[in-house]
Amino acid sequence: MILRESAHTGAGTLADVERLAQEGAGRDEHGYRGEFLQLVHRARHLWRQGLPCPPRAQCED
């Protein structure tokens, strides 16, 4: 929702997404949860390196 600039994102940030995903990781039989965490981590890293943040998204940590 953050990446698509959804109006339903509210005050959520990628840091929140990463934290919640880590808390709920649990068993990851097929690796999907781990892959999701990697994608979130990469998006946060890219924004820190200067990739433009979507206008309504909250990319800060």
N, C-alpha and C. Protein backbone atom coordinates (compact mmCIF):
# COMPACT_ATOMS: atom_id res chain seq x y z
N MET A 1 0.82 -1.18 0.00
CA MET A 1 0.00 0.00 0.00
C MET A 1 0.87 1.26 0.00
N ILE A 2 2.00 1.18 0.70
CA ILE A 2 2.91 2.34 0.72
C ILE A 2 3.48 2.57 -0.67
N LEU A 3 3.93 1.51 -1.31
CA LEU A 3 4.53 1.67 -2.63
C LEU A 3 3.53 2.13 -3.68
N ARG A 4 2.27 1.77 -3.51
CA ARG A 4 1.24 2.18 -4.47
C ARG A 4 0.56 3.48 -4.08
N GLU A 5 1.05 4.09 -3.00
CA GLU A 5 0.51 5.36 -2.51
C GLU A 5 -0.99 5.27 -2.21
N SER A 6 -1.41 4.19 -1.60
CA SER A 6 -2.81 3.99 -1.27
C SER A 6 -3.27 5.02 -0.23
N ALA A 7 -4.50 5.44 -0.37
CA ALA A 7 -5.09 6.36 0.61
C ALA A 7 -5.31 5.65 1.94
N HIS A 8 -5.25 4.33 1.95
CA HIS A 8 -5.49 3.53 3.15
C HIS A 8 -4.22 3.24 3.93
N THR A 9 -3.10 3.78 3.49
CA THR A 9 -1.82 3.54 4.17
C THR A 9 -1.80 4.17 5.55
N GLY A 10 -2.44 5.30 5.70
CA GLY A 10 -2.43 5.99 6.99
C GLY A 10 -1.03 6.47 7.32
N ALA A 11 -0.61 6.28 8.56
CA ALA A 11 0.70 6.74 9.02
C ALA A 11 1.74 5.64 8.94
N GLY A 12 1.42 4.54 8.29
CA GLY A 12 2.35 3.41 8.20
C GLY A 12 3.60 3.75 7.41
N THR A 13 4.73 3.20 7.82
CA THR A 13 6.00 3.39 7.14
C THR A 13 6.58 2.03 6.77
N LEU A 14 7.59 2.04 5.94
CA LEU A 14 8.26 0.78 5.62
C LEU A 14 8.93 0.18 6.85
N ALA A 15 9.37 1.02 7.76
CA ALA A 15 9.94 0.52 9.02
C ALA A 15 8.88 -0.26 9.79
N ASP A 16 7.65 0.24 9.80
CA ASP A 16 6.54 -0.47 10.46
C ASP A 16 6.28 -1.81 9.77
N VAL A 17 6.28 -1.80 8.45
CA VAL A 17 6.04 -3.02 7.69
C VAL A 17 7.11 -4.05 8.02
N GLU A 18 8.35 -3.61 8.02
CA GLU A 18 9.46 -4.53 8.29
C GLU A 18 9.35 -5.10 9.72
N ARG A 19 9.05 -4.24 10.68
CA ARG A 19 8.92 -4.70 12.06
C ARG A 19 7.80 -5.72 12.22
N LEU A 20 6.64 -5.43 11.64
CA LEU A 20 5.50 -6.34 11.74
C LEU A 20 5.79 -7.67 11.04
N ALA A 21 6.44 -7.61 9.90
CA ALA A 21 6.77 -8.82 9.16
C ALA A 21 7.76 -9.68 9.95
N GLN A 22 8.72 -9.05 10.60
CA GLN A 22 9.68 -9.80 11.40
C GLN A 22 9.01 -10.45 12.60
N GLU A 23 8.10 -9.72 13.23
CA GLU A 23 7.39 -10.26 14.39
C GLU A 23 6.53 -11.46 14.02
N GLY A 24 5.99 -11.46 12.81
CA GLY A 24 5.11 -12.54 12.38
C GLY A 24 5.78 -13.56 11.48
N ALA A 25 7.09 -13.55 11.41
CA ALA A 25 7.80 -14.41 10.45
C ALA A 25 7.51 -15.89 10.68
N GLY A 26 7.74 -16.39 11.85
CA GLY A 26 7.46 -17.79 12.14
C GLY A 26 8.08 -18.75 11.13
N ARG A 27 7.43 -19.88 10.97
CA ARG A 27 7.89 -20.90 10.04
C ARG A 27 7.69 -20.42 8.61
N ASP A 28 8.70 -20.60 7.79
CA ASP A 28 8.67 -20.08 6.41
C ASP A 28 9.03 -21.21 5.45
N GLU A 29 8.15 -22.16 5.34
CA GLU A 29 8.40 -23.39 4.58
C GLU A 29 8.83 -23.14 3.14
N HIS A 30 8.23 -22.17 2.48
CA HIS A 30 8.52 -21.92 1.07
C HIS A 30 9.36 -20.67 0.83
N GLY A 31 9.73 -19.97 1.88
CA GLY A 31 10.61 -18.81 1.76
C GLY A 31 9.93 -17.51 1.37
N TYR A 32 8.60 -17.50 1.33
CA TYR A 32 7.90 -16.28 0.90
C TYR A 32 8.04 -15.15 1.92
N ARG A 33 7.97 -15.47 3.18
CA ARG A 33 8.09 -14.43 4.21
C ARG A 33 9.49 -13.83 4.20
N GLY A 34 10.49 -14.67 4.06
CA GLY A 34 11.86 -14.18 3.99
C GLY A 34 12.08 -13.31 2.77
N GLU A 35 11.49 -13.71 1.65
CA GLU A 35 11.62 -12.92 0.43
C GLU A 35 10.94 -11.56 0.59
N PHE A 36 9.78 -11.54 1.23
CA PHE A 36 9.07 -10.30 1.48
C PHE A 36 9.92 -9.37 2.34
N LEU A 37 10.52 -9.92 3.40
CA LEU A 37 11.38 -9.11 4.26
C LEU A 37 12.56 -8.54 3.48
N GLN A 38 13.14 -9.32 2.59
CA GLN A 38 14.24 -8.83 1.76
C GLN A 38 13.80 -7.67 0.88
N LEU A 39 12.61 -7.78 0.29
CA LEU A 39 12.10 -6.71 -0.57
C LEU A 39 11.87 -5.41 0.20
N VAL A 40 11.30 -5.53 1.39
CA VAL A 40 11.06 -4.35 2.22
C VAL A 40 12.40 -3.72 2.61
N HIS A 41 13.34 -4.56 3.01
CA HIS A 41 14.66 -4.06 3.39
C HIS A 41 15.33 -3.35 2.22
N ARG A 42 15.24 -3.92 1.03
CA ARG A 42 15.84 -3.30 -0.16
C ARG A 42 15.19 -1.97 -0.50
N ALA A 43 13.86 -1.91 -0.39
CA ALA A 43 13.16 -0.65 -0.67
C ALA A 43 13.62 0.44 0.30
N ARG A 44 13.73 0.10 1.59
CA ARG A 44 14.19 1.08 2.56
C ARG A 44 15.61 1.52 2.25
N HIS A 45 16.46 0.58 1.88
CA HIS A 45 17.85 0.90 1.54
C HIS A 45 17.92 1.83 0.33
N LEU A 46 17.13 1.53 -0.71
CA LEU A 46 17.14 2.36 -1.92
C LEU A 46 16.69 3.78 -1.61
N TRP A 47 15.68 3.95 -0.77
CA TRP A 47 15.22 5.30 -0.43
C TRP A 47 16.27 6.04 0.37
N ARG A 48 17.01 5.32 1.22
CA ARG A 48 18.09 5.96 1.97
C ARG A 48 19.21 6.40 1.03
N GLN A 49 19.37 5.70 -0.10
CA GLN A 49 20.43 6.01 -1.05
C GLN A 49 20.01 7.07 -2.06
N GLY A 50 18.79 7.57 -1.97
CA GLY A 50 18.38 8.68 -2.82
C GLY A 50 17.29 8.38 -3.83
N LEU A 51 16.79 7.14 -3.89
CA LEU A 51 15.67 6.84 -4.78
C LEU A 51 14.48 7.67 -4.33
N PRO A 52 13.81 8.36 -5.25
CA PRO A 52 12.67 9.19 -4.84
C PRO A 52 11.58 8.37 -4.15
N CYS A 53 11.13 8.88 -3.05
CA CYS A 53 10.04 8.26 -2.30
C CYS A 53 8.73 8.69 -2.96
N PRO A 54 7.75 7.77 -3.12
CA PRO A 54 6.45 8.19 -3.66
C PRO A 54 5.92 9.37 -2.85
N PRO A 55 5.29 10.36 -3.50
CA PRO A 55 4.90 11.61 -2.85
C PRO A 55 4.13 11.48 -1.54
N ARG A 56 3.15 10.57 -1.47
CA ARG A 56 2.37 10.46 -0.24
C ARG A 56 2.90 9.42 0.73
N ALA A 57 3.90 8.65 0.32
CA ALA A 57 4.45 7.61 1.18
C ALA A 57 5.31 8.22 2.28
N GLN A 58 5.41 7.51 3.38
CA GLN A 58 6.27 7.95 4.46
C GLN A 58 7.47 7.01 4.50
N CYS A 59 8.55 7.40 3.88
CA CYS A 59 9.71 6.53 3.73
C CYS A 59 10.73 6.70 4.83
N GLU A 60 10.53 7.66 5.70
CA GLU A 60 11.49 7.87 6.78
C GLU A 60 11.45 6.70 7.74
N ASP A 61 12.56 6.54 8.46
CA ASP A 61 12.62 5.47 9.47
C ASP A 61 12.03 5.92 10.75
